[in-house]
Amino acid sequence: MTLLRLIVREFVGLFVDDEKLALSILAVVGACWLLVHAIHGSAFSTGLLLVLGCVGVLIASVLQGARR
């Protein structure tokens, strides 16, 4: 049972290790959803926002981690 608990904890840790990164990515995805459904943006602008937003969030997270 202890091994199963350890495996589950490690698996969950893969996804919620950095809460700020996860919330930022969810915010980018939410902004893309808003662009598509509320503003009726084009697929190109939505895709561009998604790619640039995720890359920007990742760079910010790496820079913040390097400062620690």
PDB file of N, CA and C in Angstrom:
ATOM      1  N   MET A   1       0.824  -1.190   0.000  1.00  0.00           N
ATOM      2  CA  MET A   1       0.000   0.000   0.000  1.00  0.00           C
ATOM      3  C   MET A   1       0.872   1.260   0.000  1.00  0.00           C
ATOM      4  N   THR A   2       1.986   1.206   0.694  1.00  0.00           N
ATOM      5  CA  THR A   2       2.885   2.355   0.741  1.00  0.00           C
ATOM      6  C   THR A   2       3.467   2.644  -0.637  1.00  0.00           C
ATOM      7  N   LEU A   3       3.797   1.581  -1.378  1.00  0.00           N
ATOM      8  CA  LEU A   3       4.337   1.758  -2.716  1.00  0.00           C
ATOM      9  C   LEU A   3       3.304   2.399  -3.637  1.00  0.00           C
ATOM     10  N   LEU A   4       2.055   1.967  -3.532  1.00  0.00           N
ATOM     11  CA  LEU A   4       0.992   2.548  -4.351  1.00  0.00           C
ATOM     12  C   LEU A   4       0.801   4.026  -4.024  1.00  0.00           C
ATOM     13  N   ARG A   5       0.834   4.368  -2.753  1.00  0.00           N
ATOM     14  CA  ARG A   5       0.699   5.763  -2.333  1.00  0.00           C
ATOM     15  C   ARG A   5       1.857   6.606  -2.870  1.00  0.00           C
ATOM     16  N   LEU A   6       3.070   6.057  -2.846  1.00  0.00           N
ATOM     17  CA  LEU A   6       4.241   6.756  -3.372  1.00  0.00           C
ATOM     18  C   LEU A   6       4.124   6.986  -4.879  1.00  0.00           C
ATOM     19  N   ILE A   7       3.644   5.980  -5.592  1.00  0.00           N
ATOM     20  CA  ILE A   7       3.468   6.098  -7.042  1.00  0.00           C
ATOM     21  C   ILE A   7       2.430   7.168  -7.368  1.00  0.00           C
ATOM     22  N   VAL A   8       1.309   7.163  -6.673  1.00  0.00           N
ATOM     23  CA  VAL A   8       0.261   8.159  -6.911  1.00  0.00           C
ATOM     24  C   VAL A   8       0.776   9.559  -6.591  1.00  0.00           C
ATOM     25  N   ARG A   9       1.513   9.698  -5.499  1.00  0.00           N
ATOM     26  CA  ARG A   9       2.056  11.006  -5.120  1.00  0.00           C
ATOM     27  C   ARG A   9       3.026  11.531  -6.183  1.00  0.00           C
ATOM     28  N   GLU A  10       3.879  10.661  -6.708  1.00  0.00           N
ATOM     29  CA  GLU A  10       4.805  11.072  -7.762  1.00  0.00           C
ATOM     30  C   GLU A  10       4.069  11.440  -9.048  1.00  0.00           C
ATOM     31  N   PHE A  11       3.042  10.680  -9.370  1.00  0.00           N
ATOM     32  CA  PHE A  11       2.260  10.949 -10.577  1.00  0.00           C
ATOM     33  C   PHE A  11       1.557  12.297 -10.477  1.00  0.00           C
ATOM     34  N   VAL A  12       0.950  12.580  -9.347  1.00  0.00           N
ATOM     35  CA  VAL A  12       0.282  13.867  -9.134  1.00  0.00           C
ATOM     36  C   VAL A  12       1.315  14.988  -9.126  1.00  0.00           C
ATOM     37  N   GLY A  13       2.485  14.732  -8.565  1.00  0.00           N
ATOM     38  CA  GLY A  13       3.549  15.724  -8.524  1.00  0.00           C
ATOM     39  C   GLY A  13       4.034  16.140  -9.902  1.00  0.00           C
ATOM     40  N   LEU A  14       3.882  15.267 -10.883  1.00  0.00           N
ATOM     41  CA  LEU A  14       4.256  15.629 -12.249  1.00  0.00           C
ATOM     42  C   LEU A  14       3.408  16.779 -12.788  1.00  0.00           C
ATOM     43  N   PHE A  15       2.164  16.853 -12.328  1.00  0.00           N
ATOM     44  CA  PHE A  15       1.242  17.827 -12.866  1.00  0.00           C
ATOM     45  C   PHE A  15       1.072  19.060 -11.995  1.00  0.00           C
ATOM     46  N   VAL A  16       1.335  18.969 -10.725  1.00  0.00           N
ATOM     47  CA  VAL A  16       1.120  20.105  -9.839  1.00  0.00           C
ATOM     48  C   VAL A  16       2.387  20.478  -9.072  1.00  0.00           C
ATOM     49  N   ASP A  17       3.531  20.220  -9.665  1.00  0.00           N
ATOM     50  CA  ASP A  17       4.790  20.541  -9.005  1.00  0.00           C
ATOM     51  C   ASP A  17       4.952  22.046  -8.852  1.00  0.00           C
ATOM     52  N   ASP A  18       4.614  22.784  -9.877  1.00  0.00           N
ATOM     53  CA  ASP A  18       4.722  24.237  -9.842  1.00  0.00           C
ATOM     54  C   ASP A  18       3.320  24.818 -10.059  1.00  0.00           C
ATOM     55  N   GLU A  19       2.690  25.186  -8.960  1.00  0.00           N
ATOM     56  CA  GLU A  19       1.305  25.646  -9.035  1.00  0.00           C
ATOM     57  C   GLU A  19       1.172  26.920  -9.867  1.00  0.00           C
ATOM     58  N   LYS A  20       2.138  27.825  -9.729  1.00  0.00           N
ATOM     59  CA  LYS A  20       2.080  29.086 -10.466  1.00  0.00           C
ATOM     60  C   LYS A  20       2.157  28.838 -11.977  1.00  0.00           C
ATOM     61  N   LEU A  21       3.001  27.906 -12.388  1.00  0.00           N
ATOM     62  CA  LEU A  21       3.116  27.568 -13.808  1.00  0.00           C
ATOM     63  C   LEU A  21       1.803  26.973 -14.313  1.00  0.00           C
ATOM     64  N   ALA A  22       1.230  26.061 -13.548  1.00  0.00           N
ATOM     65  CA  ALA A  22      -0.020  25.423 -13.966  1.00  0.00           C
ATOM     66  C   ALA A  22      -1.151  26.436 -14.071  1.00  0.00           C
ATOM     67  N   LEU A  23      -1.253  27.335 -13.101  1.00  0.00           N
ATOM     68  CA  LEU A  23      -2.313  28.352 -13.142  1.00  0.00           C
ATOM     69  C   LEU A  23      -2.102  29.330 -14.296  1.00  0.00           C
ATOM     70  N   SER A  24      -0.851  29.657 -14.586  1.00  0.00           N
ATOM     71  CA  SER A  24      -0.564  30.565 -15.700  1.00  0.00           C
ATOM     72  C   SER A  24      -0.933  29.935 -17.039  1.00  0.00           C
ATOM     73  N   ILE A  25      -0.626  28.659 -17.196  1.00  0.00           N
ATOM     74  CA  ILE A  25      -0.996  27.958 -18.430  1.00  0.00           C
ATOM     75  C   ILE A  25      -2.516  27.890 -18.561  1.00  0.00           C
ATOM     76  N   LEU A  26      -3.197  27.631 -17.454  1.00  0.00           N
ATOM     77  CA  LEU A  26      -4.663  27.628 -17.494  1.00  0.00           C
ATOM     78  C   LEU A  26      -5.219  29.001 -17.853  1.00  0.00           C
ATOM     79  N   ALA A  27      -4.559  30.071 -17.398  1.00  0.00           N
ATOM     80  CA  ALA A  27      -4.992  31.423 -17.752  1.00  0.00           C
ATOM     81  C   ALA A  27      -4.815  31.676 -19.249  1.00  0.00           C
ATOM     82  N   VAL A  28      -3.721  31.194 -19.823  1.00  0.00           N
ATOM     83  CA  VAL A  28      -3.497  31.350 -21.265  1.00  0.00           C
ATOM     84  C   VAL A  28      -4.567  30.579 -22.044  1.00  0.00           C
ATOM     85  N   VAL A  29      -4.843  29.368 -21.616  1.00  0.00           N
ATOM     86  CA  VAL A  29      -5.874  28.565 -22.292  1.00  0.00           C
ATOM     87  C   VAL A  29      -7.239  29.231 -22.152  1.00  0.00           C
ATOM     88  N   GLY A  30      -7.512  29.789 -20.975  1.00  0.00           N
ATOM     89  CA  GLY A  30      -8.772  30.510 -20.774  1.00  0.00           C
ATOM     90  C   GLY A  30      -8.885  31.738 -21.668  1.00  0.00           C
ATOM     91  N   ALA A  31      -7.772  32.450 -21.838  1.00  0.00           N
ATOM     92  CA  ALA A  31      -7.776  33.615 -22.727  1.00  0.00           C
ATOM     93  C   ALA A  31      -8.033  33.186 -24.169  1.00  0.00           C
ATOM     94  N   CYS A  32      -7.481  32.056 -24.560  1.00  0.00           N
ATOM     95  CA  CYS A  32      -7.737  31.544 -25.916  1.00  0.00           C
ATOM     96  C   CYS A  32      -9.192  31.148 -26.081  1.00  0.00           C
ATOM     97  N   TRP A  33      -9.759  30.526 -25.058  1.00  0.00           N
ATOM     98  CA  TRP A  33     -11.166  30.168 -25.113  1.00  0.00           C
ATOM     99  C   TRP A  33     -12.030  31.418 -25.243  1.00  0.00           C
ATOM    100  N   LEU A  34     -11.674  32.439 -24.471  1.00  0.00           N
ATOM    101  CA  LEU A  34     -12.417  33.695 -24.529  1.00  0.00           C
ATOM    102  C   LEU A  34     -12.303  34.331 -25.911  1.00  0.00           C
ATOM    103  N   LEU A  35     -11.113  34.279 -26.491  1.00  0.00           N
ATOM    104  CA  LEU A  35     -10.909  34.842 -27.829  1.00  0.00           C
ATOM    105  C   LEU A  35     -11.762  34.129 -28.860  1.00  0.00           C
ATOM    106  N   VAL A  36     -11.883  32.830 -28.742  1.00  0.00           N
ATOM    107  CA  VAL A  36     -12.656  32.051 -29.720  1.00  0.00           C
ATOM    108  C   VAL A  36     -14.154  32.224 -29.520  1.00  0.00           C
ATOM    109  N   HIS A  37     -14.625  32.096 -28.281  1.00  0.00           N
ATOM    110  CA  HIS A  37     -16.065  32.040 -28.043  1.00  0.00           C
ATOM    111  C   HIS A  37     -16.728  33.393 -27.822  1.00  0.00           C
ATOM    112  N   ALA A  38     -16.056  34.307 -27.199  1.00  0.00           N
ATOM    113  CA  ALA A  38     -16.693  35.593 -26.899  1.00  0.00           C
ATOM    114  C   ALA A  38     -16.419  36.629 -27.982  1.00  0.00           C
ATOM    115  N   ILE A  39     -15.198  36.633 -28.494  1.00  0.00           N
ATOM    116  CA  ILE A  39     -14.821  37.660 -29.460  1.00  0.00           C
ATOM    117  C   ILE A  39     -14.868  37.128 -30.896  1.00  0.00           C
ATOM    118  N   HIS A  40     -14.963  35.808 -31.037  1.00  0.00           N
ATOM    119  CA  HIS A  40     -14.981  35.146 -32.347  1.00  0.00           C
ATOM    120  C   HIS A  40     -13.716  35.465 -33.138  1.00  0.00           C
ATOM    121  N   GLY A  41     -12.578  35.291 -32.475  1.00  0.00           N
ATOM    122  CA  GLY A  41     -11.291  35.525 -33.125  1.00  0.00           C
ATOM    123  C   GLY A  41     -10.981  34.435 -34.130  1.00  0.00           C
ATOM    124  N   SER A  42     -10.017  34.722 -34.981  1.00  0.00           N
ATOM    125  CA  SER A  42      -9.644  33.752 -36.011  1.00  0.00           C
ATOM    126  C   SER A  42      -8.813  32.632 -35.392  1.00  0.00           C
ATOM    127  N   ALA A  43      -8.732  31.543 -36.120  1.00  0.00           N
ATOM    128  CA  ALA A  43      -7.945  30.400 -35.652  1.00  0.00           C
ATOM    129  C   ALA A  43      -6.469  30.763 -35.571  1.00  0.00           C
ATOM    130  N   PHE A  44      -6.004  31.583 -36.510  1.00  0.00           N
ATOM    131  CA  PHE A  44      -4.593  31.981 -36.503  1.00  0.00           C
ATOM    132  C   PHE A  44      -4.252  32.797 -35.268  1.00  0.00           C
ATOM    133  N   SER A  45      -5.085  33.779 -34.936  1.00  0.00           N
ATOM    134  CA  SER A  45      -4.794  34.617 -33.770  1.00  0.00           C
ATOM    135  C   SER A  45      -4.896  33.813 -32.473  1.00  0.00           C
ATOM    136  N   THR A  46      -5.824  32.884 -32.423  1.00  0.00           N
ATOM    137  CA  THR A  46      -5.956  32.041 -31.237  1.00  0.00           C
ATOM    138  C   THR A  46      -4.745  31.129 -31.086  1.00  0.00           C
ATOM    139  N   GLY A  47      -4.326  30.528 -32.172  1.00  0.00           N
ATOM    140  CA  GLY A  47      -3.146  29.664 -32.134  1.00  0.00           C
ATOM    141  C   GLY A  47      -1.891  30.435 -31.772  1.00  0.00           C
ATOM    142  N   LEU A  48      -1.768  31.634 -32.308  1.00  0.00           N
ATOM    143  CA  LEU A  48      -0.611  32.470 -31.998  1.00  0.00           C
ATOM    144  C   LEU A  48      -0.596  32.850 -30.522  1.00  0.00           C
ATOM    145  N   LEU A  49      -1.755  33.213 -29.988  1.00  0.00           N
ATOM    146  CA  LEU A  49      -1.851  33.535 -28.564  1.00  0.00           C
ATOM    147  C   LEU A  49      -1.503  32.324 -27.710  1.00  0.00           C
ATOM    148  N   LEU A  50      -1.971  31.170 -28.100  1.00  0.00           N
ATOM    149  CA  LEU A  50      -1.704  29.960 -27.340  1.00  0.00           C
ATOM    150  C   LEU A  50      -0.208  29.629 -27.324  1.00  0.00           C
ATOM    151  N   VAL A  51       0.418  29.653 -28.478  1.00  0.00           N
ATOM    152  CA  VAL A  51       1.845  29.322 -28.567  1.00  0.00           C
ATOM    153  C   VAL A  51       2.692  30.362 -27.845  1.00  0.00           C
ATOM    154  N   LEU A  52       2.490  31.631 -28.168  1.00  0.00           N
ATOM    155  CA  LEU A  52       3.310  32.671 -27.549  1.00  0.00           C
ATOM    156  C   LEU A  52       3.042  32.792 -26.048  1.00  0.00           C
ATOM    157  N   GLY A  53       1.792  32.609 -25.649  1.00  0.00           N
ATOM    158  CA  GLY A  53       1.467  32.668 -24.229  1.00  0.00           C
ATOM    159  C   GLY A  53       2.121  31.549 -23.439  1.00  0.00           C
ATOM    160  N   CYS A  54       2.049  30.333 -23.959  1.00  0.00           N
ATOM    161  CA  CYS A  54       2.656  29.194 -23.261  1.00  0.00           C
ATOM    162  C   CYS A  54       4.176  29.306 -23.224  1.00  0.00           C
ATOM    163  N   VAL A  55       4.773  29.736 -24.323  1.00  0.00           N
ATOM    164  CA  VAL A  55       6.230  29.918 -24.343  1.00  0.00           C
ATOM    165  C   VAL A  55       6.635  31.032 -23.377  1.00  0.00           C
ATOM    166  N   GLY A  56       5.870  32.101 -23.353  1.00  0.00           N
ATOM    167  CA  GLY A  56       6.174  33.197 -22.432  1.00  0.00           C
ATOM    168  C   GLY A  56       6.069  32.776 -20.976  1.00  0.00           C
ATOM    169  N   VAL A  57       5.044  32.013 -20.663  1.00  0.00           N
ATOM    170  CA  VAL A  57       4.870  31.521 -19.296  1.00  0.00           C
ATOM    171  C   VAL A  57       6.013  30.576 -18.929  1.00  0.00           C
ATOM    172  N   LEU A  58       6.417  29.732 -19.849  1.00  0.00           N
ATOM    173  CA  LEU A  58       7.512  28.809 -19.590  1.00  0.00           C
ATOM    174  C   LEU A  58       8.824  29.549 -19.362  1.00  0.00           C
ATOM    175  N   ILE A  59       9.103  30.559 -20.180  1.00  0.00           N
ATOM    176  CA  ILE A  59      10.332  31.348 -20.009  1.00  0.00           C
ATOM    177  C   ILE A  59      10.316  32.065 -18.666  1.00  0.00           C
ATOM    178  N   ALA A  60       9.192  32.649 -18.310  1.00  0.00           N
ATOM    179  CA  ALA A  60       9.089  33.336 -17.022  1.00  0.00           C
ATOM    180  C   ALA A  60       9.307  32.363 -15.869  1.00  0.00           C
ATOM    181  N   SER A  61       8.779  31.157 -15.976  1.00  0.00           N
ATOM    182  CA  SER A  61       8.947  30.161 -14.926  1.00  0.00           C
ATOM    183  C   SER A  61      10.401  29.723 -14.801  1.00  0.00           C
ATOM    184  N   VAL A  62      11.050  29.541 -15.929  1.00  0.00           N
ATOM    185  CA  VAL A  62      12.475  29.132 -15.915  1.00  0.00           C
ATOM    186  C   VAL A  62      13.331  30.242 -15.306  1.00  0.00           C
ATOM    187  N   LEU A  63      13.080  31.481 -15.690  1.00  0.00           N
ATOM    188  CA  LEU A  63      13.855  32.592 -15.127  1.00  0.00           C
ATOM    189  C   LEU A  63      13.622  32.729 -13.632  1.00  0.00           C
ATOM    190  N   GLN A  64      12.395  32.525 -13.196  1.00  0.00           N
ATOM    191  CA  GLN A  64      12.094  32.611 -11.768  1.00  0.00           C
ATOM    192  C   GLN A  64      12.776  31.454 -11.017  1.00  0.00           C
ATOM    193  N   GLY A  65      12.780  30.285 -11.617  1.00  0.00           N
ATOM    194  CA  GLY A  65      13.435  29.134 -10.996  1.00  0.00           C
ATOM    195  C   GLY A  65      14.942  29.307 -10.928  1.00  0.00           C
ATOM    196  N   ALA A  66      15.524  29.989 -11.890  1.00  0.00           N
ATOM    197  CA  ALA A  66      16.968  30.219 -11.882  1.00  0.00           C
ATOM    198  C   ALA A  66      17.357  31.200 -10.783  1.00  0.00           C
ATOM    199  N   ARG A  67      16.466  32.079 -10.425  1.00  0.00           N
ATOM    200  CA  ARG A  67      16.755  33.059  -9.356  1.00  0.00           C
ATOM    201  C   ARG A  67      16.734  32.432  -7.973  1.00  0.00           C
ATOM    202  N   ARG A  68      16.030  31.309  -7.833  1.00  0.00           N
ATOM    203  CA  ARG A  68      15.902  30.658  -6.509  1.00  0.00           C
ATOM    204  C   ARG A  68      17.170  30.027  -6.066  1.00  0.00           C
TER     205      ARG A  68
END
